[in-house]
Amino acid sequence: MTEFLIAFFLIFGAGFIFIASLGVLRMPELYMRIHSATKAGTLGVGFLVAGVAIHFQELSILIRALAAISFIVITAPVAAHMIGRAGYKSGVPLWKESIINEMDEDSKSPNSFLS
């Protein structure tokens, strides 16, 4: 039974990482690429590490796996935010079909997206 559980976690982890890599390849701009890599990549790595922890069935490895998963879950969104902010500040253009630019000072007024 544990082999099926391990296989489930590893296959789903690899699947989510594959989806993240497709998102990085297919998305039209930096900000969407960051989003796909962060969300699906974090979930995929979490599943892989959980599968490894289940495989070894030792307390020390379980504690390390939980620490690694929590570190990734905490740091991935912060890193993505910093990369996106640095990209915006350095002038990486938004996608041509973007509707709202919330970082732009002109679009801070309410209902500015309607005009």
Protein backbone atom coordinates (compact mmCIF):
# COMPACT_ATOMS: atom_id res chain seq x y z
CA MET A 1 0.00 0.00 0.00
CA THR A 2 2.80 2.46 0.75
CA GLU A 3 4.28 1.83 -2.69
CA PHE A 4 1.08 3.12 -4.27
CA LEU A 5 1.08 6.16 -2.01
CA ILE A 6 4.72 6.86 -2.84
CA ALA A 7 4.03 6.43 -6.56
CA PHE A 8 1.01 8.76 -6.27
CA PHE A 9 3.06 11.51 -4.64
CA LEU A 10 5.98 11.16 -7.05
CA ILE A 11 3.81 11.06 -10.17
CA PHE A 12 1.70 14.02 -9.07
CA GLY A 13 4.82 15.94 -8.09
CA ALA A 14 6.44 15.29 -11.45
CA GLY A 15 3.17 16.19 -13.17
CA PHE A 16 2.90 19.54 -11.42
CA ILE A 17 6.54 20.32 -12.18
CA PHE A 18 5.88 19.44 -15.82
CA ILE A 19 2.86 21.78 -15.82
CA ALA A 20 5.03 24.52 -14.30
CA SER A 21 7.63 24.05 -17.03
CA LEU A 22 4.93 24.22 -19.71
CA GLY A 23 3.67 27.43 -18.13
CA VAL A 24 7.14 28.94 -18.22
CA LEU A 25 7.45 28.03 -21.90
CA ARG A 26 3.96 29.02 -23.02
CA MET A 27 3.04 32.14 -21.06
CA PRO A 28 3.45 35.42 -22.97
CA GLU A 29 5.14 37.60 -20.33
CA LEU A 30 7.48 37.47 -17.34
CA TYR A 31 4.76 37.99 -14.74
CA MET A 32 2.60 35.11 -15.94
CA ARG A 33 5.66 32.87 -16.17
CA ILE A 34 6.55 33.67 -12.57
CA HIS A 35 3.00 32.84 -11.50
CA SER A 36 2.94 29.45 -13.20
CA ALA A 37 6.40 28.50 -11.99
CA THR A 38 5.66 29.51 -8.41
CA LYS A 39 2.26 27.90 -7.97
CA ALA A 40 2.69 24.61 -9.79
CA GLY A 41 6.40 24.29 -9.03
CA THR A 42 5.88 24.68 -5.29
CA LEU A 43 3.12 22.11 -5.27
CA GLY A 44 5.19 19.71 -7.38
CA VAL A 45 8.27 19.96 -5.19
CA GLY A 46 6.09 19.52 -2.11
CA PHE A 47 4.62 16.30 -3.51
CA LEU A 48 8.07 14.97 -4.47
CA VAL A 49 9.60 15.68 -1.07
CA ALA A 50 6.56 14.15 0.66
CA GLY A 51 6.94 11.03 -1.49
CA VAL A 52 10.59 10.71 -0.53
CA ALA A 53 9.74 11.16 3.15
CA ILE A 54 7.10 8.42 2.94
CA HIS A 55 9.55 6.13 1.16
CA PHE A 56 12.23 6.27 3.84
CA GLN A 57 9.83 6.20 6.82
CA GLU A 58 12.30 7.65 9.31
CA LEU A 59 11.54 10.43 11.75
CA SER A 60 14.68 12.42 10.94
CA ILE A 61 13.92 12.39 7.22
CA LEU A 62 10.29 13.27 7.87
CA ILE A 63 11.34 16.30 9.92
CA ARG A 64 13.78 17.39 7.21
CA ALA A 65 11.12 16.93 4.53
CA LEU A 66 8.60 18.99 6.49
CA ALA A 67 11.23 21.69 7.02
CA ALA A 68 12.07 21.70 3.30
CA ILE A 69 8.41 21.87 2.28
CA SER A 70 7.68 24.73 4.69
CA PHE A 71 10.77 26.60 3.56
CA ILE A 72 9.71 26.31 -0.09
CA VAL A 73 6.11 27.29 0.65
CA ILE A 74 7.27 30.35 2.59
CA THR A 75 10.03 31.55 0.27
CA ALA A 76 8.63 30.84 -3.21
CA PRO A 77 5.91 33.54 -3.16
CA VAL A 78 8.31 36.09 -1.69
CA ALA A 79 10.93 35.31 -4.33
CA ALA A 80 8.34 35.51 -7.12
CA HIS A 81 7.15 38.86 -5.81
CA MET A 82 10.70 40.22 -5.69
CA ILE A 83 11.48 38.97 -9.22
CA GLY A 84 8.26 40.49 -10.57
CA ARG A 85 8.90 43.79 -8.83
CA ALA A 86 12.49 43.91 -10.09
CA GLY A 87 11.24 43.14 -13.60
CA TYR A 88 8.67 45.92 -13.41
CA LYS A 89 11.15 48.45 -12.00
CA SER A 90 13.70 47.59 -14.70
CA GLY A 91 11.15 48.16 -17.46
CA VAL A 92 10.03 44.69 -18.52
CA PRO A 93 6.89 45.43 -20.55
CA LEU A 94 3.48 44.10 -19.63
CA TRP A 95 1.62 41.82 -21.99
CA LYS A 96 -0.11 43.80 -24.76
CA GLU A 97 -3.54 42.50 -23.66
CA SER A 98 -3.11 43.48 -19.99
CA ILE A 99 -6.01 45.57 -18.81
CA ILE A 100 -4.87 46.94 -15.45
CA ASN A 101 -1.44 48.08 -14.36
CA GLU A 102 -1.77 48.39 -10.59
CA MET A 103 1.80 49.58 -10.18
CA ASP A 104 1.23 52.61 -12.43
CA GLU A 105 0.48 55.80 -10.52
CA ASP A 106 -2.08 56.91 -13.11
CA SER A 107 -4.20 53.82 -12.58
CA LYS A 108 -4.44 54.24 -8.79
CA SER A 109 -7.71 56.17 -8.96
CA PRO A 110 -10.90 54.13 -8.62
CA ASN A 111 -12.68 53.19 -11.84
CA SER A 112 -9.62 54.12 -13.91
CA PHE A 113 -9.79 50.74 -15.60
CA LEU A 114 -13.20 51.65 -17.02
CA SER A 115 -11.94 54.54 -19.09
